Protein backbone atom coordinates (compact mmCIF):
# COMPACT_ATOMS: atom_id res chain seq x y z
CA UNK A 1 22.30 -12.24 -10.59
CA UNK A 2 21.84 -11.89 -14.26
CA UNK A 3 18.98 -13.52 -16.18
CA UNK A 4 20.81 -16.49 -18.47
CA UNK A 5 19.50 -19.88 -19.13
CA UNK A 6 21.37 -21.28 -16.21
CA UNK A 7 20.27 -18.92 -13.80
CA UNK A 8 16.15 -19.94 -14.95
CA UNK A 9 16.98 -23.42 -14.79
CA UNK A 10 18.43 -23.13 -11.57
CA UNK A 11 15.36 -20.90 -10.33
CA UNK A 12 12.87 -23.85 -11.36
CA UNK A 13 10.27 -23.95 -8.82
CA UNK A 14 10.24 -20.40 -8.95
CA UNK A 15 9.00 -20.02 -12.28
CA UNK A 16 4.98 -19.79 -13.12
CA UNK A 17 3.16 -21.53 -15.75
CA UNK A 18 4.74 -21.74 -19.30
CA UNK A 19 7.55 -19.26 -18.87
CA UNK A 20 9.82 -21.95 -17.95
CA UNK A 21 9.31 -23.85 -21.25
CA UNK A 22 10.04 -20.29 -22.90
CA UNK A 23 13.04 -19.18 -21.06
CA UNK A 24 14.75 -22.41 -21.28
CA UNK A 25 14.70 -23.08 -24.53
CA UNK A 26 15.85 -19.51 -25.11
CA UNK A 27 13.57 -18.40 -27.89
CA UNK A 28 10.69 -15.69 -27.18
CA UNK A 29 7.09 -16.59 -27.58
CA UNK A 30 5.49 -16.08 -30.95
CA UNK A 31 4.04 -12.21 -30.80
CA UNK A 32 2.69 -10.45 -33.66
CA UNK A 33 5.71 -8.21 -34.88
CA UNK A 34 6.19 -5.40 -32.85
CA UNK A 35 3.96 -6.17 -30.33
CA UNK A 36 4.05 -3.71 -27.34
CA UNK A 37 3.09 -3.94 -24.03
CA UNK A 38 2.10 -0.64 -22.12
CA UNK A 39 2.54 -1.20 -18.48
CA UNK A 40 1.47 1.86 -16.24
CA UNK A 41 2.78 1.95 -12.60
CA UNK A 42 3.03 4.78 -9.57
CA UNK A 43 6.34 7.11 -9.14
CA UNK A 44 7.91 4.32 -6.86
CA UNK A 45 8.89 5.95 -3.51
CA UNK A 46 11.89 3.91 -3.62
CA UNK A 47 13.41 5.60 -6.72
CA UNK A 48 16.39 2.71 -7.19
CA UNK A 49 13.81 0.52 -7.84
CA UNK A 50 12.08 2.30 -10.88
CA UNK A 51 15.53 2.95 -11.98
CA UNK A 52 16.42 -1.00 -12.05
CA UNK A 53 13.10 -1.54 -13.72
CA UNK A 54 13.94 1.07 -16.43
CA UNK A 55 17.85 0.11 -16.86
CA UNK A 56 17.99 -3.51 -16.27
CA UNK A 57 14.86 -5.50 -15.77
CA UNK A 58 12.68 -4.17 -18.70
CA UNK A 59 15.60 -4.42 -21.14
CA UNK A 60 15.95 -8.20 -19.95
CA UNK A 61 12.44 -8.96 -20.44
CA UNK A 62 12.05 -7.58 -24.14
CA UNK A 63 15.00 -9.78 -24.95
CA UNK A 64 13.41 -12.75 -23.28
CA UNK A 65 9.83 -12.27 -24.27
CA UNK A 66 10.52 -10.64 -28.10
CA UNK A 67 8.35 -7.90 -27.40
CA UNK A 68 8.56 -4.18 -26.53
CA UNK A 69 7.76 -2.66 -22.96
CA UNK A 70 6.42 0.52 -22.49
CA UNK A 71 7.11 1.35 -18.94
CA UNK A 72 4.74 4.62 -18.08
CA UNK A 73 4.96 6.17 -14.23
CA UNK A 74 2.61 8.57 -13.02
CA UNK A 75 2.28 9.91 -9.57
CA UNK A 76 0.11 7.10 -7.57
CA UNK A 77 -3.31 9.20 -7.11
CA UNK A 78 -3.50 9.19 -11.00
CA UNK A 79 -3.70 5.75 -11.60
CA UNK A 80 -7.27 4.84 -10.29
CA UNK A 81 -8.50 8.24 -12.82
CA UNK A 82 -6.70 6.77 -15.64
CA UNK A 83 -8.08 3.30 -15.51
CA UNK A 84 -11.69 4.76 -15.31
CA UNK A 85 -10.92 6.84 -18.44
CA UNK A 86 -9.45 3.78 -20.45
CA UNK A 87 -12.46 1.46 -19.65
CA UNK A 88 -14.79 3.99 -20.69
CA UNK A 89 -13.06 4.52 -23.84
CA UNK A 90 -12.24 1.36 -24.62
CA UNK A 91 -8.11 2.07 -24.85
CA UNK A 92 -5.26 2.62 -23.23
CA UNK A 93 -2.14 0.56 -21.26
CA UNK A 94 -2.28 -3.00 -21.39
CA UNK A 95 -1.37 -3.62 -17.45
CA UNK A 96 -2.40 -1.23 -14.57
CA UNK A 97 -1.02 -1.22 -11.25
CA UNK A 98 -3.72 -0.42 -8.99
CA UNK A 99 -4.16 0.22 -4.84
CA UNK A 100 -5.90 -1.62 -2.24
CA UNK A 101 -9.09 -3.07 -3.31
CA UNK A 102 -9.67 -0.76 -6.50
CA UNK A 103 -9.41 -3.84 -9.10
CA UNK A 104 -13.17 -4.80 -7.43
CA UNK A 105 -14.73 -1.35 -9.06
CA UNK A 106 -13.88 -2.70 -12.76
CA UNK A 107 -14.09 -6.48 -12.40
CA UNK A 108 -16.17 -6.48 -15.02
CA UNK A 109 -13.82 -5.22 -17.50
CA UNK A 110 -10.47 -6.93 -16.50
CA UNK A 111 -8.84 -10.38 -17.77
CA UNK A 112 -9.15 -13.35 -15.42
CA UNK A 113 -5.94 -13.59 -13.57
CA UNK A 114 -6.43 -16.79 -12.16
CA UNK A 115 -4.00 -19.05 -14.03
CA UNK A 116 -1.00 -17.01 -13.01
CA UNK A 117 -2.69 -16.10 -9.43
CA UNK A 118 -2.85 -19.53 -8.61
CA UNK A 119 0.23 -20.91 -10.12
CA UNK A 120 2.55 -18.23 -8.20
CA UNK A 121 -0.01 -18.67 -4.99
CA UNK A 122 1.29 -22.50 -4.87
CA UNK A 123 4.97 -21.96 -5.91
CA UNK A 124 5.49 -19.35 -3.05
CA UNK A 125 3.86 -20.54 0.11
CA UNK A 126 0.38 -19.28 -0.37
CA UNK A 127 -1.25 -15.41 -0.46
CA UNK A 128 -2.12 -14.00 2.60
CA UNK A 129 -5.44 -13.56 3.00
CA UNK A 130 -5.25 -9.47 2.90
CA UNK A 131 -4.64 -10.27 -0.96
CA UNK A 132 -7.29 -12.48 -1.73
CA UNK A 133 -9.66 -9.89 -0.48
CA UNK A 134 -9.04 -7.44 -2.48
CA UNK A 135 -7.79 -9.16 -5.68
CA UNK A 136 -10.70 -12.02 -6.11
CA UNK A 137 -13.93 -10.84 -6.64
CA UNK A 138 -15.10 -14.82 -4.94
CA UNK A 139 -15.00 -16.43 -7.99
CA UNK A 140 -11.75 -15.63 -9.89
CA UNK A 141 -8.27 -13.38 -9.42
CA UNK A 142 -9.17 -10.17 -11.27
CA UNK A 143 -5.66 -9.05 -10.73
CA UNK A 144 -2.20 -10.62 -9.88
CA UNK A 145 -0.70 -9.36 -6.10
CA UNK A 146 2.32 -7.56 -6.59
CA UNK A 147 3.03 -6.23 -2.63
CA UNK A 148 2.05 -5.07 0.26
CA UNK A 149 3.70 -1.75 1.49
CA UNK A 150 3.14 -1.80 5.18
CA UNK A 151 2.53 1.32 7.14
CA UNK A 152 3.90 1.91 10.45
CA UNK A 153 4.92 4.95 12.50
CA UNK A 154 7.81 6.31 11.81
CA UNK A 155 9.53 8.47 14.57
CA UNK A 156 12.36 10.08 16.09
CA UNK A 157 13.73 8.32 19.07
CA UNK A 158 15.29 10.88 20.37
CA UNK A 159 12.54 13.50 20.73
CA UNK A 160 10.07 11.02 22.28
CA UNK A 161 12.79 10.34 25.14
CA UNK A 162 13.05 14.06 25.64
CA UNK A 163 9.54 14.00 26.71
CA UNK A 164 9.71 10.80 28.67
CA UNK A 165 8.67 8.16 26.29
CA UNK A 166 11.27 5.75 26.07
CA UNK A 167 9.26 3.38 24.10
CA UNK A 168 6.77 4.26 21.59
CA UNK A 169 2.97 5.15 22.99
CA UNK A 170 1.08 1.97 23.36
CA UNK A 171 -2.25 3.46 23.13
CA UNK A 172 -4.26 6.54 21.71
CA UNK A 173 -4.48 8.09 25.56
CA UNK A 174 -0.52 7.55 25.92
CA UNK A 175 -0.22 9.03 22.21
CA UNK A 176 -2.18 12.08 22.78
CA UNK A 177 -0.54 13.05 25.70
CA UNK A 178 3.07 12.63 24.09
CA UNK A 179 2.01 14.29 20.97
CA UNK A 180 0.87 16.98 23.41
CA UNK A 181 4.15 17.77 24.45
CA UNK A 182 6.10 17.12 21.42
CA UNK A 183 3.72 19.99 19.77
CA UNK A 184 4.51 22.36 22.63
CA UNK A 185 8.35 21.98 21.82
CA UNK A 186 7.42 22.91 18.19
CA UNK A 187 7.55 19.11 16.84
CA UNK A 188 3.80 18.07 16.09
CA UNK A 189 2.74 14.87 14.60
CA UNK A 190 2.34 14.66 10.97
CA UNK A 191 -0.84 12.87 9.68
CA UNK A 192 -2.85 13.59 6.58
CA UNK A 193 -6.38 13.26 6.35
CA UNK A 194 -6.63 14.36 2.60
CA UNK A 195 -7.69 12.67 -0.37
CA UNK A 196 -4.56 10.28 -1.21
CA UNK A 197 -4.43 6.76 -1.63
CA UNK A 198 -1.73 5.53 1.04
CA UNK A 199 -1.52 7.31 4.53
CA UNK A 200 -4.96 8.94 4.94
CA UNK A 201 -6.92 5.55 4.62
CA UNK A 202 -4.22 3.23 6.22
CA UNK A 203 -4.49 5.41 9.33
CA UNK A 204 -8.19 6.27 9.59
CA UNK A 205 -9.43 2.87 8.69
CA UNK A 206 -7.71 1.00 11.91
CA UNK A 207 -7.81 4.00 13.91
CA UNK A 208 -11.81 3.63 13.56
CA UNK A 209 -12.05 -0.21 13.89
CA UNK A 210 -9.63 0.37 17.27
CA UNK A 211 -12.15 2.04 19.06
CA UNK A 212 -15.08 -0.37 17.52
CA UNK A 213 -16.28 1.26 14.72
CA UNK A 214 -16.77 -0.45 11.49
CA UNK A 215 -18.53 0.64 8.19
CA UNK A 216 -20.89 -2.58 8.03
CA UNK A 217 -20.96 -6.03 9.63
CA UNK A 218 -20.39 -9.52 8.17
CA UNK A 219 -24.22 -9.21 6.52
CA UNK A 220 -23.29 -6.05 4.79
CA UNK A 221 -25.70 -3.79 7.08
CA UNK A 222 -24.18 -0.18 7.61
CA UNK A 223 -23.14 -0.38 11.14
CA UNK A 224 -20.88 2.85 11.31
CA UNK A 225 -23.00 5.00 13.84
CA UNK A 226 -22.15 3.48 16.96
CA UNK A 227 -20.56 4.57 20.02
CA UNK A 228 -17.39 3.68 19.31
CA UNK A 229 -17.28 5.36 16.06
CA UNK A 230 -18.64 8.70 17.52
CA UNK A 231 -16.32 8.20 20.57
CA UNK A 232 -13.04 8.03 17.91
CA UNK A 233 -14.51 11.12 16.21
CA UNK A 234 -14.55 12.66 19.68
CA UNK A 235 -11.00 11.72 20.46
CA UNK A 236 -9.53 12.57 17.28
CA UNK A 237 -11.07 16.25 17.53
CA UNK A 238 -8.70 17.12 20.46
CA UNK A 239 -5.85 14.82 19.52
CA UNK A 240 -5.61 16.58 16.17
CA UNK A 241 -5.42 19.99 17.73
CA UNK A 242 -3.54 19.37 20.53
CA UNK A 243 -0.28 16.99 18.99
CA UNK A 244 -0.83 17.25 15.40
CA UNK A 245 0.35 19.66 12.43
CA UNK A 246 -2.92 20.75 11.46
CA UNK A 247 -1.93 21.67 7.91
CA UNK A 248 -1.85 18.15 7.29
CA UNK A 249 -5.61 17.90 6.01
CA UNK A 250 -4.11 18.85 2.66
CA UNK A 251 -1.10 16.63 2.52
CA UNK A 252 -0.69 14.14 0.02
CA UNK A 253 1.66 10.97 0.32
CA UNK A 254 4.70 12.98 0.03
CA UNK A 255 4.15 15.60 2.26
CA UNK A 256 4.65 13.75 5.38
CA UNK A 257 7.61 12.29 4.13
CA UNK A 258 9.33 15.58 3.11
CA UNK A 259 8.15 17.01 6.27
CA UNK A 260 10.03 14.41 8.42
CA UNK A 261 13.03 14.54 6.45
CA UNK A 262 13.02 18.33 6.97
CA UNK A 263 12.58 17.47 10.84
CA UNK A 264 9.37 19.89 11.10
CA UNK A 265 7.37 16.88 12.53
CA UNK A 266 8.18 14.12 15.03
CA UNK A 267 6.08 10.75 13.86
CA UNK A 268 4.16 10.07 10.82
CA UNK A 269 2.51 6.83 9.90
CA UNK A 270 4.20 6.00 6.41
CA UNK A 271 6.21 3.18 4.50
CA UNK A 272 9.42 2.81 5.33
CA UNK A 273 10.39 5.11 2.64
CA UNK A 274 11.58 8.04 5.08
CA UNK A 275 13.80 5.58 6.61
CA UNK A 276 15.15 4.29 3.04
CA UNK A 277 15.80 7.83 2.00
CA UNK A 278 17.72 8.60 4.98
CA UNK A 279 20.11 5.98 4.44
CA UNK A 280 20.28 6.51 0.86
CA UNK A 281 21.60 9.92 1.53
CA UNK A 282 23.27 9.88 4.99
CA UNK A 283 24.87 13.03 4.81
CA UNK A 284 22.04 15.10 3.75
CA UNK A 285 19.97 14.37 6.96
CA UNK A 286 21.53 15.06 9.65
CA UNK A 287 19.84 15.90 13.26
CA UNK A 288 20.14 19.09 15.36
CA UNK A 289 22.84 17.39 17.49
CA UNK A 290 24.96 16.63 14.35
CA UNK A 291 24.03 12.69 14.02
CA UNK A 292 22.74 11.08 11.03
CA UNK A 293 18.94 11.07 11.15
CA UNK A 294 18.93 7.72 10.17
CA UNK A 295 20.39 6.49 13.40
CA UNK A 296 17.44 8.15 15.33
CA UNK A 297 14.51 6.75 13.10
CA UNK A 298 12.75 3.79 14.48
CA UNK A 299 8.96 2.32 13.42
CA UNK A 300 5.83 1.29 15.11
CA UNK A 301 2.67 -0.11 14.82
CA UNK A 302 -0.32 2.06 15.36
CA UNK A 303 -1.24 2.11 18.98
CA UNK A 304 -4.54 -0.12 20.35
CA UNK A 305 -7.47 1.48 21.24
CA UNK A 306 -10.67 0.28 23.55
CA UNK A 307 -11.27 -2.44 20.55
CA UNK A 308 -7.81 -3.64 19.79
CA UNK A 309 -5.08 -2.95 17.62
CA UNK A 310 -5.64 -2.87 13.77
CA UNK A 311 -3.72 -2.21 10.82
CA UNK A 312 -4.58 -1.50 7.06
CA UNK A 313 -1.36 -1.69 4.65
CA UNK A 314 -1.02 -0.43 1.08
CA UNK A 315 -1.80 -3.06 -1.23
CA UNK A 316 -0.73 -3.33 -5.01
CA UNK A 317 -2.03 -5.29 -7.85
CA UNK A 318 -1.64 -5.49 -11.70
CA UNK A 319 -4.73 -5.61 -13.45
CA UNK A 320 -5.05 -6.53 -17.85
CA UNK A 321 -8.30 -4.41 -18.92
CA UNK A 322 -10.32 -6.42 -21.38
CA UNK A 323 -9.80 -4.27 -23.98
CA UNK A 324 -6.20 -5.09 -24.58
CA UNK A 325 -5.13 -6.24 -28.03
CA UNK A 326 -2.19 -7.31 -26.12
CA UNK A 327 -3.48 -9.59 -23.42
CA UNK A 328 -1.47 -12.82 -23.65
CA UNK A 329 1.80 -10.76 -24.22
CA UNK A 330 0.92 -8.59 -20.82
CA UNK A 331 -0.04 -11.96 -19.37
CA UNK A 332 3.56 -13.48 -20.01
CA UNK A 333 5.35 -10.26 -18.64
CA UNK A 334 3.71 -10.38 -15.69
CA UNK A 335 4.50 -14.15 -15.35
CA UNK A 336 8.06 -13.28 -16.43
CA UNK A 337 8.64 -10.62 -13.86
CA UNK A 338 6.89 -12.53 -11.19
CA UNK A 339 9.93 -14.88 -11.53
CA UNK A 340 12.02 -15.60 -8.62
CA UNK A 341 15.32 -14.38 -10.32
CA UNK A 342 13.48 -11.20 -11.71
CA UNK A 343 11.10 -10.35 -8.66
CA UNK A 344 14.31 -11.06 -6.14
CA UNK A 345 15.85 -7.99 -7.70
CA UNK A 346 13.03 -6.02 -7.41
CA UNK A 347 12.31 -6.78 -4.10
CA UNK A 348 15.79 -6.47 -2.67
CA UNK A 349 16.13 -3.07 -4.40
CA UNK A 350 13.40 -1.93 -2.30
CA UNK A 351 15.17 -2.76 1.29
CA UNK A 352 12.11 -3.91 3.00
CA UNK A 353 9.71 -1.26 1.75
CA UNK A 354 7.75 -3.67 0.19
CA UNK A 355 6.54 -6.92 1.39
CA UNK A 356 5.99 -9.82 -1.21
CA UNK A 357 2.48 -11.07 -1.34
CA UNK A 358 3.38 -14.71 -0.46
CA UNK A 359 4.41 -16.32 2.44
CA UNK A 360 7.73 -17.94 1.61
CA UNK A 361 9.11 -14.57 1.19
CA UNK A 362 9.63 -13.80 4.88
CA UNK A 363 12.30 -16.59 4.87
CA UNK A 364 14.31 -14.01 2.91
CA UNK A 365 17.87 -13.06 4.29
CA UNK A 366 16.99 -9.09 3.52
CA UNK A 367 14.80 -9.36 6.64
CA UNK A 368 17.68 -9.68 9.11
CA UNK A 369 19.94 -7.11 7.78
CA UNK A 370 18.31 -4.09 9.45
CA UNK A 371 16.71 -4.60 12.73
CA UNK A 372 14.72 -1.26 11.97
CA UNK A 373 12.85 -2.67 9.38
CA UNK A 374 12.11 -6.02 10.76
CA UNK A 375 8.56 -4.81 11.83
CA UNK A 376 7.62 -4.56 7.96
CA UNK A 377 8.14 -8.30 7.69
CA UNK A 378 4.97 -10.04 8.21
CA UNK A 379 2.93 -6.90 7.52
CA UNK A 380 0.69 -9.46 5.06
CA UNK A 381 0.13 -11.45 8.11
CA UNK A 382 -1.74 -8.75 10.42
CA UNK A 383 -3.73 -6.50 7.99
CA UNK A 384 -7.53 -6.22 7.31
CA UNK A 385 -9.16 -5.01 4.32
CA UNK A 386 -11.72 -1.94 3.85
CA UNK A 387 -14.95 -3.18 4.36
CA UNK A 388 -14.05 -4.92 7.21
CA UNK A 389 -16.30 -6.79 8.74
CA UNK A 390 -17.78 -7.70 5.20
CA UNK A 391 -16.07 -8.41 2.08
CA UNK A 392 -13.62 -5.84 0.52
CA UNK A 393 -16.05 -5.92 -2.74
CA UNK A 394 -16.59 -3.17 -4.79
CA UNK A 395 -19.15 -1.37 -2.79
CA UNK A 396 -16.32 -1.18 -0.05
CA UNK A 397 -13.86 -0.11 -2.89
CA UNK A 398 -16.27 2.85 -3.63
CA UNK A 399 -16.39 3.47 -0.13
CA UNK A 400 -12.97 3.95 0.09
CA UNK A 401 -12.26 5.75 -3.34
CA UNK A 402 -14.66 8.47 -1.97
CA UNK A 403 -12.72 8.82 1.25
CA UNK A 404 -15.66 8.57 3.77
CA UNK A 405 -13.82 7.15 6.65
CA UNK A 406 -11.39 9.77 6.00
CA UNK A 407 -13.66 12.61 5.18
CA UNK A 408 -15.47 11.51 8.53
CA UNK A 409 -12.53 12.63 10.90
CA UNK A 410 -11.46 16.04 8.34
CA UNK A 411 -15.00 17.19 8.86
CA UNK A 412 -14.67 16.89 12.60
CA UNK A 413 -11.71 18.21 13.02
CA UNK A 414 -12.71 21.57 10.91
CA UNK A 415 -15.65 21.68 13.29
CA UNK A 416 -18.06 19.77 12.77
CA UNK A 417 -19.56 17.68 15.68
CA UNK A 418 -18.74 14.29 16.35
CA UNK A 419 -22.34 12.94 15.89
CA UNK A 420 -22.75 14.76 12.82
CA UNK A 421 -19.44 13.55 11.21
CA UNK A 422 -20.71 9.87 11.85
CA UNK A 423 -24.21 10.55 10.53
CA UNK A 424 -22.80 12.08 7.68
CA UNK A 425 -20.91 8.99 6.92
CA UNK A 426 -23.68 6.47 7.63
CA UNK A 427 -25.71 8.52 4.79
CA UNK A 428 -22.84 8.15 2.33
CA UNK A 429 -22.28 4.69 3.39
CA UNK A 430 -26.05 3.90 2.59
CA UNK A 431 -25.82 5.62 -0.72
CA UNK A 432 -23.48 2.51 -1.78
CA UNK A 433 -24.88 -0.25 0.53
CA UNK A 434 -28.83 0.61 0.25
CA UNK A 435 -30.85 2.99 2.32
CA UNK A 436 -32.09 -0.46 4.24
CA UNK A 437 -28.65 -2.06 4.64
């Protein structure tokens, strides 16, 4: 749908703040001549969405707002170092995309986004609590929720059936047994335990929770050194050797995509980008039996452990550093890109890879178009954030940024005794939360 005055007026309640008035009058807001908003984001795992931003949405936004929008895209793992450097130097992009609870680390240096966030939440059925826990510091919104990329296990249906699994294993023990058979056939599970923002923590955190392990309790006391955590590490050591591609220790968030699409692994925790890529190039990805690969991919949630079934999904938000000289223009740009006619185009281009942060979008017709994507519709309702069972605050963000939970498992699969790996994690967490915690 083209962004015209008529379409904007039709969208009515979907627009937030003062943007309805700006766009209805057809006049751009009064910015200083030559105002440029520098927006830095990741290189999207759905390339069509980056193309849509550059070729269609940003030109529309520049015309509607009367500003220049300088979009820069980088590898996702480079975003946190970039904002750290920018805040330290007091200069850099006006809008940063950040992952998970990373905004909590920079709360004192970010612009209050409460006006935008509260307006959007009210207009679209409310944010999921998962967004609040990571973009709100307990007093105000420090980042504008953008999306949630659900982490599900993409797996080869036919390969699982060949080893007797007609459905995806629902427990870690069953997954271990199936994975052992698959690896024996040269089709291991692919999982990263590296320092990468998405697939490593969204696996290691819920895996730990499912065994009863936690970083901290509700009071903020470090409680990771318990039987559940130790048992989870012991199980992982055998599970890794028996069922996984052991090179996954060094993988980032792209390696498992390539491994799955090249058909060297049978399953991997991922967003839906593998499946979407197989749909985008159906003749490029063909199975050993001559079928299109996209017909042999299904998605499943992580298995359950002794303490239950859990998930953590990669959360995305946009923050404006307080050093920005273009704060009003940056806010207006975010208001505009979140307006329904604009955001909907971007959301549809994602084909379900990204789930919006507000509940009204669960009703969108996209979710009924492909049953393989249906599990991603409600990821915002099911996730827990880093730092559970406490707040996902700056301390939890520091622990996440240092990959303490992921490294605990990585150390164990490389030979460190389980008890020692857990004690190491406990000591590292106490450096953050306090030795008396």
